[in-house]
Amino acid sequence: MAESELHRFLKRAVAEKLERKGFSIYFEPEWPPIDLLEWQRYRPDLLGIKSKRRVDECAFVECETNPNPKRILAKNIASVAIQTRLLKETRSRRILAIPAMKSDALDSSVTKNWEVWRIETLLEFQQN
């Protein structure tokens, strides 16, 4: 299935925000781009990696144009393993990017496990 323009917009918006926070961005990586990560049957829409002197941080991003709790919870993100390094803290973030106008579609089963980013889209600006 072809990727929608809205999905591409969500990915770009999140990538820009993460880059401003110092993350290196990988779009739909088929395999982990660094040795510290491992996953099976999972491919995030975006992967952000930031490594500082004392902290390694990974952001796993899913962009959902029409968020559905069952589909989100079915993602195989539980297969992700992050190897820690001595003298470094390891942080992992699960980010779910959705159009702001679709935020009422989510319930606590999703919001307790994901950091939800509501993205204002051009379409929403045009409607308001």
N, C-alpha and C. Protein backbone atom coordinates (compact mmCIF):
# COMPACT_ATOMS: atom_id res chain seq x y z
N MET A 1 0.83 -1.17 0.00
CA MET A 1 0.00 0.00 0.00
C MET A 1 0.89 1.25 0.00
N ALA A 2 0.51 2.23 -0.80
CA ALA A 2 1.29 3.46 -0.90
C ALA A 2 1.11 4.31 0.35
N GLU A 3 2.16 4.99 0.70
CA GLU A 3 2.13 5.87 1.87
C GLU A 3 1.38 7.15 1.53
N SER A 4 0.51 7.59 2.42
CA SER A 4 -0.27 8.81 2.17
C SER A 4 0.58 10.05 2.41
N GLU A 5 0.13 11.15 1.84
CA GLU A 5 0.81 12.43 2.05
C GLU A 5 0.76 12.83 3.53
N LEU A 6 -0.34 12.53 4.20
CA LEU A 6 -0.46 12.84 5.62
C LEU A 6 0.56 12.05 6.45
N HIS A 7 0.74 10.78 6.10
CA HIS A 7 1.73 9.96 6.81
C HIS A 7 3.13 10.51 6.62
N ARG A 8 3.46 10.89 5.40
CA ARG A 8 4.78 11.49 5.12
C ARG A 8 4.95 12.79 5.90
N PHE A 9 3.87 13.59 5.98
CA PHE A 9 3.91 14.85 6.72
C PHE A 9 4.19 14.60 8.20
N LEU A 10 3.51 13.62 8.79
CA LEU A 10 3.72 13.29 10.20
C LEU A 10 5.18 12.88 10.44
N LYS A 11 5.71 12.04 9.56
CA LYS A 11 7.10 11.59 9.72
C LYS A 11 8.07 12.77 9.63
N ARG A 12 7.85 13.66 8.67
CA ARG A 12 8.73 14.82 8.53
C ARG A 12 8.65 15.73 9.75
N ALA A 13 7.43 15.97 10.25
CA ALA A 13 7.24 16.86 11.41
C ALA A 13 7.95 16.30 12.64
N VAL A 14 7.81 15.01 12.89
CA VAL A 14 8.47 14.40 14.05
C VAL A 14 9.98 14.38 13.86
N ALA A 15 10.43 14.04 12.66
CA ALA A 15 11.87 14.01 12.38
C ALA A 15 12.50 15.38 12.64
N GLU A 16 11.86 16.44 12.19
CA GLU A 16 12.40 17.78 12.40
C GLU A 16 12.48 18.11 13.89
N LYS A 17 11.45 17.75 14.64
CA LYS A 17 11.44 18.04 16.07
C LYS A 17 12.55 17.26 16.79
N LEU A 18 12.70 15.98 16.45
CA LEU A 18 13.74 15.16 17.09
C LEU A 18 15.13 15.63 16.69
N GLU A 19 15.31 16.03 15.43
CA GLU A 19 16.61 16.54 15.00
C GLU A 19 16.99 17.79 15.78
N ARG A 20 16.01 18.67 16.04
CA ARG A 20 16.29 19.88 16.83
C ARG A 20 16.72 19.52 18.26
N LYS A 21 16.30 18.35 18.72
CA LYS A 21 16.68 17.89 20.06
C LYS A 21 17.98 17.08 20.04
N GLY A 22 18.63 17.00 18.87
CA GLY A 22 19.93 16.36 18.79
C GLY A 22 19.92 14.89 18.38
N PHE A 23 18.79 14.37 17.94
CA PHE A 23 18.71 12.98 17.52
C PHE A 23 19.17 12.81 16.08
N SER A 24 19.81 11.69 15.78
CA SER A 24 20.04 11.24 14.41
C SER A 24 18.80 10.46 14.02
N ILE A 25 18.31 10.66 12.81
CA ILE A 25 17.04 10.08 12.39
C ILE A 25 17.25 9.01 11.32
N TYR A 26 16.53 7.91 11.48
CA TYR A 26 16.53 6.82 10.50
C TYR A 26 15.07 6.58 10.11
N PHE A 27 14.78 6.70 8.83
CA PHE A 27 13.42 6.49 8.33
C PHE A 27 13.20 5.02 8.01
N GLU A 28 12.22 4.43 8.64
CA GLU A 28 11.81 3.04 8.43
C GLU A 28 12.99 2.07 8.29
N PRO A 29 13.86 2.03 9.28
CA PRO A 29 15.01 1.12 9.17
C PRO A 29 14.57 -0.34 9.22
N GLU A 30 15.04 -1.13 8.27
CA GLU A 30 14.67 -2.55 8.24
C GLU A 30 15.39 -3.34 9.31
N TRP A 31 16.54 -2.86 9.73
CA TRP A 31 17.29 -3.51 10.80
C TRP A 31 17.88 -2.40 11.67
N PRO A 32 18.22 -2.72 12.91
CA PRO A 32 18.79 -1.72 13.81
C PRO A 32 20.09 -1.15 13.25
N PRO A 33 20.21 0.17 13.21
CA PRO A 33 21.41 0.78 12.63
C PRO A 33 22.61 0.82 13.58
N ILE A 34 22.42 0.43 14.83
CA ILE A 34 23.55 0.38 15.77
C ILE A 34 23.55 -0.96 16.49
N ASP A 35 24.72 -1.38 16.94
CA ASP A 35 24.87 -2.69 17.58
C ASP A 35 24.13 -2.81 18.91
N LEU A 36 23.83 -1.71 19.55
CA LEU A 36 23.17 -1.76 20.85
C LEU A 36 21.68 -2.11 20.77
N LEU A 37 21.12 -2.10 19.56
CA LEU A 37 19.70 -2.38 19.37
C LEU A 37 19.48 -3.71 18.68
N GLU A 38 18.35 -4.32 19.02
CA GLU A 38 17.95 -5.56 18.35
C GLU A 38 16.43 -5.61 18.35
N TRP A 39 15.86 -6.06 17.23
CA TRP A 39 14.42 -6.29 17.18
C TRP A 39 14.09 -7.35 16.16
N GLN A 40 12.89 -7.89 16.29
CA GLN A 40 12.42 -8.91 15.37
C GLN A 40 11.01 -8.56 14.92
N ARG A 41 10.77 -8.69 13.64
CA ARG A 41 9.45 -8.42 13.07
C ARG A 41 8.89 -7.07 13.51
N TYR A 42 9.74 -6.08 13.51
CA TYR A 42 9.33 -4.73 13.87
C TYR A 42 10.12 -3.76 13.02
N ARG A 43 9.47 -2.74 12.56
CA ARG A 43 10.15 -1.67 11.83
C ARG A 43 9.44 -0.36 12.17
N PRO A 44 10.09 0.50 12.93
CA PRO A 44 9.45 1.78 13.28
C PRO A 44 9.35 2.68 12.06
N ASP A 45 8.40 3.59 12.09
CA ASP A 45 8.32 4.59 11.03
C ASP A 45 9.56 5.48 11.07
N LEU A 46 9.99 5.80 12.27
CA LEU A 46 11.21 6.58 12.49
C LEU A 46 11.94 6.02 13.69
N LEU A 47 13.23 6.09 13.64
CA LEU A 47 14.05 5.76 14.80
C LEU A 47 14.97 6.94 15.02
N GLY A 48 14.94 7.48 16.23
CA GLY A 48 15.83 8.57 16.59
C GLY A 48 16.84 8.06 17.60
N ILE A 49 18.11 8.38 17.39
CA ILE A 49 19.16 7.95 18.32
C ILE A 49 20.00 9.16 18.71
N LYS A 50 20.19 9.28 20.01
CA LYS A 50 21.03 10.37 20.53
C LYS A 50 21.96 9.76 21.57
N SER A 51 23.22 10.01 21.39
CA SER A 51 24.21 9.49 22.34
C SER A 51 25.03 10.66 22.86
N LYS A 52 24.96 10.84 24.15
CA LYS A 52 25.77 11.86 24.80
C LYS A 52 26.75 11.17 25.73
N ARG A 53 27.53 11.94 26.38
CA ARG A 53 28.59 11.40 27.24
C ARG A 53 28.09 10.35 28.23
N ARG A 54 27.00 10.60 28.90
CA ARG A 54 26.52 9.69 29.94
C ARG A 54 25.17 9.05 29.63
N VAL A 55 24.57 9.38 28.47
CA VAL A 55 23.22 8.88 28.18
C VAL A 55 23.10 8.45 26.72
N ASP A 56 22.53 7.26 26.50
CA ASP A 56 22.10 6.82 25.17
C ASP A 56 20.58 6.90 25.17
N GLU A 57 20.00 7.51 24.15
CA GLU A 57 18.54 7.62 24.08
C GLU A 57 18.05 7.18 22.71
N CYS A 58 17.02 6.34 22.72
CA CYS A 58 16.40 5.86 21.49
C CYS A 58 14.94 6.27 21.49
N ALA A 59 14.47 6.80 20.37
CA ALA A 59 13.06 7.16 20.21
C ALA A 59 12.49 6.31 19.08
N PHE A 60 11.52 5.48 19.43
CA PHE A 60 10.83 4.64 18.45
C PHE A 60 9.53 5.34 18.11
N VAL A 61 9.35 5.70 16.85
CA VAL A 61 8.21 6.53 16.45
C VAL A 61 7.30 5.76 15.50
N GLU A 62 6.03 5.80 15.83
CA GLU A 62 4.99 5.30 14.94
C GLU A 62 4.09 6.47 14.57
N CYS A 63 3.81 6.62 13.29
CA CYS A 63 2.93 7.68 12.81
C CYS A 63 1.64 7.02 12.34
N GLU A 64 0.54 7.44 12.93
CA GLU A 64 -0.76 6.87 12.60
C GLU A 64 -1.70 7.97 12.13
N THR A 65 -2.11 7.89 10.89
CA THR A 65 -3.01 8.90 10.34
C THR A 65 -4.45 8.69 10.82
N ASN A 66 -4.77 7.46 11.13
CA ASN A 66 -6.11 7.12 11.62
C ASN A 66 -5.91 6.18 12.81
N PRO A 67 -5.55 6.71 13.98
CA PRO A 67 -5.16 5.85 15.10
C PRO A 67 -6.25 4.89 15.55
N ASN A 68 -5.83 3.65 15.71
CA ASN A 68 -6.71 2.58 16.15
C ASN A 68 -5.99 1.86 17.29
N PRO A 69 -6.56 1.87 18.52
CA PRO A 69 -5.85 1.26 19.65
C PRO A 69 -5.44 -0.19 19.42
N LYS A 70 -6.27 -1.00 18.80
CA LYS A 70 -5.91 -2.41 18.56
C LYS A 70 -4.69 -2.52 17.67
N ARG A 71 -4.66 -1.73 16.60
CA ARG A 71 -3.53 -1.78 15.67
C ARG A 71 -2.25 -1.28 16.34
N ILE A 72 -2.36 -0.24 17.15
CA ILE A 72 -1.19 0.32 17.82
C ILE A 72 -0.63 -0.69 18.83
N LEU A 73 -1.52 -1.29 19.63
CA LEU A 73 -1.08 -2.25 20.63
C LEU A 73 -0.52 -3.52 20.01
N ALA A 74 -0.88 -3.81 18.76
CA ALA A 74 -0.41 -5.02 18.07
C ALA A 74 1.00 -4.86 17.50
N LYS A 75 1.52 -3.65 17.50
CA LYS A 75 2.88 -3.45 16.97
C LYS A 75 3.86 -4.25 17.82
N ASN A 76 4.84 -4.80 17.20
CA ASN A 76 5.77 -5.72 17.86
C ASN A 76 6.92 -4.99 18.55
N ILE A 77 6.64 -3.84 19.14
CA ILE A 77 7.70 -3.06 19.79
C ILE A 77 8.25 -3.79 21.01
N ALA A 78 7.51 -4.75 21.54
CA ALA A 78 8.02 -5.52 22.69
C ALA A 78 9.24 -6.36 22.31
N SER A 79 9.47 -6.58 21.02
CA SER A 79 10.63 -7.36 20.60
C SER A 79 11.92 -6.54 20.62
N VAL A 80 11.82 -5.24 20.89
CA VAL A 80 13.01 -4.38 20.90
C VAL A 80 13.83 -4.63 22.16
N ALA A 81 15.11 -4.85 21.96
CA ALA A 81 16.04 -5.00 23.08
C ALA A 81 17.14 -3.96 22.91
N ILE A 82 17.43 -3.28 24.01
CA ILE A 82 18.49 -2.27 24.00
C ILE A 82 19.56 -2.70 24.98
N GLN A 83 20.76 -2.86 24.46
CA GLN A 83 21.89 -3.24 25.31
C GLN A 83 22.41 -1.99 26.01
N THR A 84 22.58 -2.08 27.30
CA THR A 84 23.12 -0.95 28.04
C THR A 84 24.64 -1.01 28.05
N ARG A 85 25.25 0.14 28.27
CA ARG A 85 26.69 0.21 28.35
C ARG A 85 27.09 0.64 29.76
N LEU A 86 28.23 0.18 30.18
CA LEU A 86 28.74 0.56 31.49
C LEU A 86 28.88 2.08 31.58
N LEU A 87 28.52 2.60 32.72
CA LEU A 87 28.65 4.03 33.02
C LEU A 87 27.80 4.93 32.13
N LYS A 88 26.79 4.34 31.46
CA LYS A 88 25.88 5.14 30.64
C LYS A 88 24.45 4.78 30.98
N GLU A 89 23.62 5.79 31.08
CA GLU A 89 22.19 5.57 31.27
C GLU A 89 21.58 5.33 29.89
N THR A 90 20.61 4.42 29.82
CA THR A 90 19.92 4.14 28.57
C THR A 90 18.46 4.53 28.71
N ARG A 91 17.98 5.33 27.78
CA ARG A 91 16.57 5.76 27.79
C ARG A 91 15.92 5.32 26.49
N SER A 92 14.67 4.93 26.62
CA SER A 92 13.89 4.52 25.45
C SER A 92 12.56 5.25 25.48
N ARG A 93 12.17 5.78 24.33
CA ARG A 93 10.90 6.49 24.23
C ARG A 93 10.07 5.85 23.14
N ARG A 94 8.79 5.69 23.40
CA ARG A 94 7.82 5.25 22.39
C ARG A 94 6.97 6.47 22.06
N ILE A 95 7.08 6.93 20.83
CA ILE A 95 6.35 8.12 20.42
C ILE A 95 5.32 7.74 19.37
N LEU A 96 4.10 8.12 19.61
CA LEU A 96 3.02 7.91 18.65
C LEU A 96 2.61 9.27 18.13
N ALA A 97 2.82 9.51 16.84
CA ALA A 97 2.47 10.78 16.22
C ALA A 97 1.14 10.62 15.49
N ILE A 98 0.21 11.50 15.82
CA ILE A 98 -1.12 11.44 15.20
C ILE A 98 -1.56 12.85 14.83
N PRO A 99 -2.47 12.96 13.86
CA PRO A 99 -3.04 14.29 13.59
C PRO A 99 -3.82 14.75 14.83
N ALA A 100 -3.68 16.00 15.20
CA ALA A 100 -4.32 16.52 16.41
C ALA A 100 -5.83 16.29 16.39
N MET A 101 -6.43 16.36 15.23
CA MET A 101 -7.89 16.21 15.15
C MET A 101 -8.34 14.76 15.41
N LYS A 102 -7.41 13.82 15.47
CA LYS A 102 -7.75 12.41 15.70
C LYS A 102 -7.46 11.96 17.13
N SER A 103 -7.11 12.87 18.02
CA SER A 103 -6.67 12.47 19.36
C SER A 103 -7.78 11.83 20.19
N ASP A 104 -9.03 12.06 19.85
CA ASP A 104 -10.12 11.46 20.62
C ASP A 104 -10.26 9.96 20.34
N ALA A 105 -9.54 9.45 19.36
CA ALA A 105 -9.62 8.02 19.02
C ALA A 105 -8.80 7.15 19.96
N LEU A 106 -7.99 7.75 20.82
CA LEU A 106 -7.11 6.98 21.69
C LEU A 106 -7.71 6.82 23.08
N ASP A 107 -7.34 5.71 23.71
CA ASP A 107 -7.77 5.48 25.08
C ASP A 107 -6.55 5.22 25.96
N SER A 108 -6.78 4.95 27.24
CA SER A 108 -5.68 4.80 28.18
C SER A 108 -4.79 3.59 27.88
N SER A 109 -5.31 2.59 27.16
CA SER A 109 -4.47 1.44 26.81
C SER A 109 -3.30 1.86 25.93
N VAL A 110 -3.48 2.93 25.19
CA VAL A 110 -2.42 3.44 24.32
C VAL A 110 -1.62 4.52 25.04
N THR A 111 -2.30 5.46 25.65
CA THR A 111 -1.61 6.63 26.21
C THR A 111 -0.73 6.29 27.41
N LYS A 112 -0.97 5.16 28.07
CA LYS A 112 -0.09 4.81 29.20
C LYS A 112 1.22 4.20 28.72
N ASN A 113 1.27 3.70 27.48
CA ASN A 113 2.48 3.07 26.95
C ASN A 113 3.20 3.91 25.90
N TRP A 114 2.55 4.93 25.40
CA TRP A 114 3.12 5.74 24.33
C TRP A 114 3.10 7.21 24.72
N GLU A 115 4.12 7.91 24.30
CA GLU A 115 4.16 9.37 24.41
C GLU A 115 3.44 9.87 23.16
N VAL A 116 2.28 10.46 23.30
CA VAL A 116 1.47 10.85 22.15
C VAL A 116 1.80 12.29 21.74
N TRP A 117 2.22 12.44 20.49
CA TRP A 117 2.47 13.76 19.92
C TRP A 117 1.34 14.08 18.96
N ARG A 118 0.58 15.09 19.27
CA ARG A 118 -0.51 15.54 18.41
C ARG A 118 0.04 16.58 17.46
N ILE A 119 0.04 16.24 16.19
CA ILE A 119 0.66 17.10 15.16
C ILE A 119 -0.43 17.88 14.43
N GLU A 120 -0.30 19.19 14.45
CA GLU A 120 -1.21 20.04 13.69
C GLU A 120 -0.82 19.91 12.21
N THR A 121 -1.78 19.54 11.40
CA THR A 121 -1.50 19.37 9.97
C THR A 121 -1.99 20.58 9.20
N LEU A 122 -1.50 20.73 7.99
CA LEU A 122 -1.93 21.84 7.14
C LEU A 122 -3.44 21.80 6.94
N LEU A 123 -3.99 20.60 6.79
CA LEU A 123 -5.43 20.45 6.60
C LEU A 123 -6.19 21.02 7.79
N GLU A 124 -5.69 20.76 8.99
CA GLU A 124 -6.35 21.29 10.19
C GLU A 124 -6.29 22.81 10.24
N PHE A 125 -5.14 23.37 9.87
CA PHE A 125 -5.02 24.82 9.84
C PHE A 125 -6.00 25.42 8.84
N GLN A 126 -6.18 24.76 7.70
CA GLN A 126 -7.09 25.27 6.67
C GLN A 126 -8.55 25.20 7.13
N GLN A 127 -8.88 24.19 7.96
CA GLN A 127 -10.25 24.02 8.44
C GLN A 127 -10.60 25.04 9.53
N ASN A 128 -9.60 25.51 10.28
CA ASN A 128 -9.87 26.44 11.40
C ASN A 128 -9.86 27.88 10.96
